[in-house]
Protein backbone atom coordinates (compact mmCIF):
# COMPACT_ATOMS: atom_id res chain seq x y z
CA UNK A 1 17.99 57.98 -54.77
CA UNK A 2 17.01 61.49 -55.95
CA UNK A 3 16.64 64.37 -53.15
CA UNK A 4 15.13 67.59 -53.54
CA UNK A 5 17.65 69.84 -51.24
CA UNK A 6 15.18 73.24 -52.02
CA UNK A 7 13.76 74.74 -48.93
CA UNK A 8 10.47 73.42 -47.60
CA UNK A 9 8.84 76.94 -47.44
CA UNK A 10 10.29 77.90 -50.73
CA UNK A 11 8.73 75.55 -52.64
CA UNK A 12 5.44 76.03 -50.54
CA UNK A 13 5.64 79.46 -52.24
CA UNK A 14 5.84 78.36 -55.72
CA UNK A 15 3.34 76.25 -55.90
CA UNK A 16 0.95 77.85 -53.87
CA UNK A 17 0.73 75.62 -50.66
CA UNK A 18 -0.03 76.27 -46.88
CA UNK A 19 2.88 74.53 -45.31
CA UNK A 20 0.01 72.91 -42.64
CA UNK A 21 -0.60 70.25 -45.51
CA UNK A 22 2.81 68.73 -45.00
CA UNK A 23 2.12 69.01 -41.16
CA UNK A 24 4.65 72.49 -41.08
CA UNK A 25 3.38 74.62 -38.76
CA UNK A 26 5.66 77.66 -39.83
CA UNK A 27 4.47 80.13 -42.52
CA UNK A 28 6.50 82.42 -44.83
CA UNK A 29 7.01 85.81 -44.47
CA UNK A 30 7.99 86.20 -47.47
CA UNK A 31 5.48 87.17 -50.42
CA UNK A 32 5.83 85.12 -54.01
CA UNK A 33 5.86 87.73 -56.50
CA UNK A 34 4.44 86.19 -59.34
CA UNK A 35 4.74 87.68 -62.91
CA UNK A 36 1.02 88.72 -64.68
CA UNK A 37 2.03 86.38 -67.53
CA UNK A 38 -0.81 84.05 -68.00
CA UNK A 39 0.00 80.11 -66.94
CA UNK A 40 -0.90 77.73 -69.88
CA UNK A 41 -2.94 75.10 -69.62
CA UNK A 42 0.04 72.44 -69.62
CA UNK A 43 1.52 74.91 -66.66
CA UNK A 44 -1.41 74.49 -64.65
CA UNK A 45 -1.86 70.65 -65.31
CA UNK A 46 2.09 70.21 -63.71
CA UNK A 47 1.69 72.71 -61.06
CA UNK A 48 -1.08 70.31 -59.69
CA UNK A 49 0.82 67.19 -60.48
CA UNK A 50 4.13 68.80 -58.40
CA UNK A 51 1.77 69.46 -55.85
CA UNK A 52 1.01 65.92 -55.13
CA UNK A 53 4.22 64.58 -55.51
CA UNK A 54 5.50 67.30 -53.24
CA UNK A 55 3.02 66.60 -50.52
CA UNK A 56 3.49 63.00 -50.50
CA UNK A 57 7.24 63.02 -51.30
CA UNK A 58 6.75 60.85 -54.30
CA UNK A 59 9.28 61.03 -57.30
CA UNK A 60 8.18 60.84 -60.84
CA UNK A 61 8.64 57.26 -61.66
CA UNK A 62 6.76 55.87 -59.36
CA UNK A 63 3.90 58.47 -58.91
CA UNK A 64 3.83 57.56 -62.46
CA UNK A 65 3.46 54.35 -61.59
CA UNK A 66 0.43 55.14 -58.92
CA UNK A 67 -1.55 56.85 -61.87
CA UNK A 68 -1.04 53.71 -64.27
CA UNK A 69 -2.59 51.28 -61.74
CA UNK A 70 -5.11 54.21 -60.88
CA UNK A 71 -6.28 53.94 -64.21
CA UNK A 72 -6.45 50.16 -64.44
CA UNK A 73 -8.70 50.25 -61.60
CA UNK A 74 -12.63 50.69 -61.18
CA UNK A 75 -14.31 53.79 -60.76
CA UNK A 76 -12.63 57.36 -61.34
CA UNK A 77 -8.45 57.48 -62.48
CA UNK A 78 -8.25 60.95 -60.24
CA UNK A 79 -10.15 59.40 -56.85
CA UNK A 80 -8.46 55.88 -57.27
CA UNK A 81 -5.13 58.27 -57.71
CA UNK A 82 -5.49 60.25 -54.55
CA UNK A 83 -6.72 56.83 -52.80
CA UNK A 84 -3.77 55.47 -53.69
CA UNK A 85 -1.64 58.19 -52.37
CA UNK A 86 -3.39 58.52 -48.93
CA UNK A 87 -3.30 54.59 -48.18
CA UNK A 88 0.64 55.08 -48.74
CA UNK A 89 2.01 53.66 -45.09
CA UNK A 90 3.91 56.66 -44.51
CA UNK A 91 0.81 59.36 -45.06
CA UNK A 92 -1.08 56.73 -42.71
CA UNK A 93 1.41 57.03 -39.52
CA UNK A 94 1.59 60.79 -40.41
CA UNK A 95 -2.66 60.76 -40.05
CA UNK A 96 -2.38 59.10 -36.93
CA UNK A 97 -0.80 61.19 -35.13
CA UNK A 98 2.41 59.52 -34.62
CA UNK A 99 4.18 61.68 -37.05
CA UNK A 100 4.66 65.98 -36.95
CA UNK A 101 5.35 65.99 -40.94
CA UNK A 102 4.94 63.38 -43.70
CA UNK A 103 9.00 63.61 -43.83
CA UNK A 104 9.47 62.28 -40.54
CA UNK A 105 6.53 59.64 -41.14
CA UNK A 106 8.66 58.29 -43.70
CA UNK A 107 11.61 58.08 -41.46
CA UNK A 108 9.87 56.40 -38.60
CA UNK A 109 8.85 53.61 -41.48
CA UNK A 110 12.51 53.66 -42.85
CA UNK A 111 13.64 53.22 -39.14
CA UNK A 112 11.91 49.99 -38.82
CA UNK A 113 9.64 51.19 -36.19
CA UNK A 114 6.20 50.40 -37.65
CA UNK A 115 4.56 46.84 -37.47
CA UNK A 116 1.23 45.95 -39.66
CA UNK A 117 -0.55 43.20 -38.56
CA UNK A 118 2.19 42.40 -36.23
CA UNK A 119 4.44 42.06 -39.31
CA UNK A 120 7.41 44.64 -39.68
CA UNK A 121 7.10 46.63 -42.25
CA UNK A 122 9.89 49.47 -43.56
CA UNK A 123 8.83 50.08 -46.83
CA UNK A 124 7.26 53.90 -46.63
CA UNK A 125 5.03 53.22 -50.18
CA UNK A 126 3.34 49.91 -48.58
CA UNK A 127 -0.08 50.11 -49.45
CA UNK A 128 -2.36 49.36 -46.35
CA UNK A 129 -6.05 48.06 -46.73
CA UNK A 130 -9.25 48.39 -44.99
CA UNK A 131 -8.66 46.06 -41.63
CA UNK A 132 -5.18 46.80 -41.01
CA UNK A 133 -3.68 47.12 -37.77
CA UNK A 134 -0.95 49.83 -37.66
CA UNK A 135 1.36 50.05 -34.65
CA UNK A 136 4.90 51.39 -33.18
CA UNK A 137 6.64 48.54 -32.07
CA UNK A 138 7.10 48.03 -28.57
CA UNK A 139 10.26 48.58 -27.85
CA UNK A 140 9.82 51.94 -29.73
CA UNK A 141 7.04 53.57 -27.94
CA UNK A 142 9.01 54.81 -24.95
CA UNK A 143 11.14 56.73 -27.38
CA UNK A 144 10.85 60.91 -27.04
CA UNK A 145 10.19 60.80 -30.30
CA UNK A 146 6.65 59.95 -29.44
CA UNK A 147 5.81 61.12 -25.96
CA UNK A 148 6.46 65.03 -24.82
CA UNK A 149 7.05 66.08 -21.34
CA UNK A 150 3.76 65.71 -20.02
CA UNK A 151 3.28 61.90 -21.32
CA UNK A 152 1.26 62.70 -24.34
CA UNK A 153 1.76 62.10 -27.49
CA UNK A 154 4.06 64.48 -29.00
CA UNK A 155 3.28 64.97 -32.38
CA UNK A 156 -0.90 65.91 -31.65
CA UNK A 157 -0.54 69.48 -32.54
CA UNK A 158 -4.61 69.97 -33.12
CA UNK A 159 -4.56 67.67 -36.29
CA UNK A 160 -7.70 65.26 -36.59
CA UNK A 161 -7.43 61.85 -37.49
CA UNK A 162 -9.42 61.21 -40.15
CA UNK A 163 -12.73 59.34 -40.04
CA UNK A 164 -11.28 56.55 -42.50
CA UNK A 165 -8.86 55.70 -39.59
CA UNK A 166 -8.95 55.11 -36.00
CA UNK A 167 -6.40 55.75 -33.58
CA UNK A 168 -5.30 54.95 -30.03
CA UNK A 169 -2.80 57.52 -28.75
CA UNK A 170 -2.08 55.76 -25.54
CA UNK A 171 -1.14 52.44 -27.38
CA UNK A 172 0.28 54.38 -30.52
CA UNK A 173 -1.69 51.82 -32.61
CA UNK A 174 -4.26 52.66 -35.12
CA UNK A 175 -6.63 50.54 -37.12
CA UNK A 176 -7.84 51.38 -40.76
CA UNK A 177 -11.05 51.15 -40.73
CA UNK A 178 -11.79 52.12 -44.63
CA UNK A 179 -10.56 53.55 -47.70
CA UNK A 180 -10.80 57.28 -47.90
CA UNK A 181 -13.38 58.84 -50.44
CA UNK A 182 -12.06 62.24 -51.94
CA UNK A 183 -14.25 63.88 -49.82
CA UNK A 184 -12.53 63.09 -46.84
CA UNK A 185 -8.88 63.91 -48.32
CA UNK A 186 -8.04 67.69 -47.61
CA UNK A 187 -5.18 68.05 -49.62
CA UNK A 188 -5.63 71.02 -52.36
CA UNK A 189 -4.81 68.82 -55.41
CA UNK A 190 -7.19 68.96 -58.43
CA UNK A 191 -6.68 65.32 -59.51
CA UNK A 192 -8.43 65.81 -62.91
CA UNK A 193 -5.42 68.30 -64.31
CA UNK A 194 -3.57 65.13 -63.44
CA UNK A 195 -5.57 63.00 -65.26
CA UNK A 196 -5.66 65.34 -68.50
CA UNK A 197 -1.63 65.68 -68.20
CA UNK A 198 -1.15 62.04 -68.31
CA UNK A 199 -3.42 61.06 -70.55
CA UNK A 200 -2.24 63.00 -73.40
């Protein structure tokens, strides 16, 4: 699988993105010096796509597949796209507070720590649905990854669980109450630019 080795903070600077959207509580002290040259319409659209791919950790081919699926669904293509990305299993683990970053959440799923409705799922791109119960496997719950020294959930660092999810940090489980609306997805991406880019 292709891996981008560019340092995360450097990528955040180039995309004009706050690292907190990735769950990283750091700030770069270096300022990005942008040229005064005007960015073309295509350049703006491309940056929005790159931001979405970077935030959710999705490569080009799967991202294109998400777009095509969103286009076939009822409703606005851009909103459908954001909803599909948000309902990836690795993102849900991150949103529930079981991982510090989306990258760690992906690793947790890959390492077979996660059950969905009682069944083991190790596919980070797995699409959860309303009513699904997501939990950390019983044998992994005592791992230091999930528990801080004082016994509380290690990943909870003031990050609120969104309304479309319900989390039980003590039991390391959560429920998908509903599909998220665009208003509650707090990622700074202009999805309409992505739609414009792909619909050319």
